[in-house]
């Protein structure tokens, strides 16, 4: 509490936890700012390789966020994607 009280005026944010917990927290916060409706009926590729650490929980949150909107979600690099989700086609009568 003392660290938070003294750091708050000069720090962008104060977080208590491990680095892994911080990455999970910050990715969750960043994903809350995304409007998933902009991906309505879009094909989405979630990049697999990164030089920044991406916690597995971020992929879980992103999939939960986009699934209700996306036409399809794939994971990996454009030349070798792995299908994660595909919206079922609705047959018209």
Protein backbone atom coordinates (compact mmCIF):
# COMPACT_ATOMS: atom_id res chain seq x y z
CA UNK A 1 0.00 0.00 0.00
CA UNK A 2 2.86 2.38 0.80
CA UNK A 3 4.55 1.65 -2.53
CA UNK A 4 1.27 2.29 -4.35
CA UNK A 5 0.63 5.52 -2.45
CA UNK A 6 4.09 6.85 -3.32
CA UNK A 7 4.32 5.51 -6.88
CA UNK A 8 0.86 6.55 -8.07
CA UNK A 9 1.73 10.22 -8.69
CA UNK A 10 4.68 9.32 -10.95
CA UNK A 11 3.81 5.90 -12.37
CA UNK A 12 1.46 5.16 -15.27
CA UNK A 13 0.09 2.21 -13.31
CA UNK A 14 0.91 0.12 -10.26
CA UNK A 15 0.48 -3.64 -10.33
CA UNK A 16 1.18 -6.32 -7.75
CA UNK A 17 1.96 -9.79 -9.05
CA UNK A 18 4.36 -11.80 -11.13
CA UNK A 19 5.44 -10.72 -14.61
CA UNK A 20 3.23 -13.49 -16.07
CA UNK A 21 0.24 -12.20 -14.11
CA UNK A 22 0.96 -8.67 -15.31
CA UNK A 23 0.98 -9.75 -18.96
CA UNK A 24 -2.35 -11.52 -18.47
CA UNK A 25 -3.78 -8.42 -16.81
CA UNK A 26 -2.54 -5.94 -19.42
CA UNK A 27 -3.68 -8.03 -22.38
CA UNK A 28 -7.12 -8.38 -20.80
CA UNK A 29 -7.27 -4.59 -20.32
CA UNK A 30 -6.19 -3.94 -23.91
CA UNK A 31 -8.75 -6.39 -25.29
CA UNK A 32 -11.53 -4.63 -23.38
CA UNK A 33 -10.89 -1.60 -25.61
CA UNK A 34 -11.52 -3.62 -28.80
CA UNK A 35 -14.92 -3.32 -30.47
CA UNK A 36 -15.54 -6.89 -31.64
CA UNK A 37 -18.48 -5.82 -33.84
CA UNK A 38 -16.00 -4.45 -36.37
CA UNK A 39 -15.05 -8.06 -37.12
CA UNK A 40 -18.62 -9.12 -38.00
CA UNK A 41 -18.45 -11.90 -40.65
CA UNK A 42 -14.70 -11.41 -41.17
CA UNK A 43 -12.03 -14.05 -41.52
CA UNK A 44 -9.47 -13.49 -38.79
CA UNK A 45 -5.91 -14.78 -38.53
CA UNK A 46 -4.38 -14.48 -35.07
CA UNK A 47 -0.64 -14.27 -35.51
CA UNK A 48 1.25 -17.06 -33.82
CA UNK A 49 4.84 -15.80 -33.65
CA UNK A 50 5.88 -12.67 -31.83
CA UNK A 51 9.06 -11.25 -30.40
CA UNK A 52 6.96 -10.03 -27.44
CA UNK A 53 5.68 -12.43 -24.78
CA UNK A 54 1.99 -13.25 -25.29
CA UNK A 55 0.41 -15.29 -22.50
CA UNK A 56 -1.83 -18.19 -23.51
CA UNK A 57 -4.66 -16.50 -21.59
CA UNK A 58 -4.58 -13.65 -24.12
CA UNK A 59 -5.41 -16.09 -26.93
CA UNK A 60 -8.27 -17.47 -24.84
CA UNK A 61 -9.67 -13.99 -24.19
CA UNK A 62 -9.28 -12.97 -27.83
CA UNK A 63 -11.08 -16.08 -29.06
CA UNK A 64 -13.92 -15.55 -26.57
CA UNK A 65 -14.20 -11.93 -27.69
CA UNK A 66 -14.22 -12.57 -31.44
CA UNK A 67 -16.09 -15.87 -31.74
CA UNK A 68 -19.62 -14.41 -31.66
CA UNK A 69 -18.74 -12.07 -34.55
CA UNK A 70 -16.11 -13.72 -36.75
CA UNK A 71 -16.87 -15.78 -39.82
CA UNK A 72 -13.74 -17.77 -39.03
CA UNK A 73 -10.78 -17.63 -36.66
CA UNK A 74 -7.42 -19.13 -37.59
CA UNK A 75 -4.15 -19.22 -35.69
CA UNK A 76 -0.61 -19.06 -37.00
CA UNK A 77 1.14 -17.48 -39.94
CA UNK A 78 -0.72 -16.73 -43.19
CA UNK A 79 1.09 -19.54 -45.03
CA UNK A 80 0.24 -22.19 -42.42
CA UNK A 81 -2.84 -21.33 -40.38
CA UNK A 82 -4.66 -23.71 -38.09
CA UNK A 83 -8.47 -23.44 -38.07
CA UNK A 84 -9.82 -22.59 -34.62
CA UNK A 85 -13.43 -21.69 -35.35
CA UNK A 86 -15.74 -21.55 -38.34
CA UNK A 87 -19.27 -20.16 -38.16
CA UNK A 88 -21.76 -22.75 -39.40
CA UNK A 89 -23.46 -21.89 -42.66
CA UNK A 90 -27.16 -21.25 -42.45
CA UNK A 91 -29.09 -22.83 -45.29
CA UNK A 92 -31.79 -20.65 -46.74
CA UNK A 93 -35.07 -22.24 -47.75
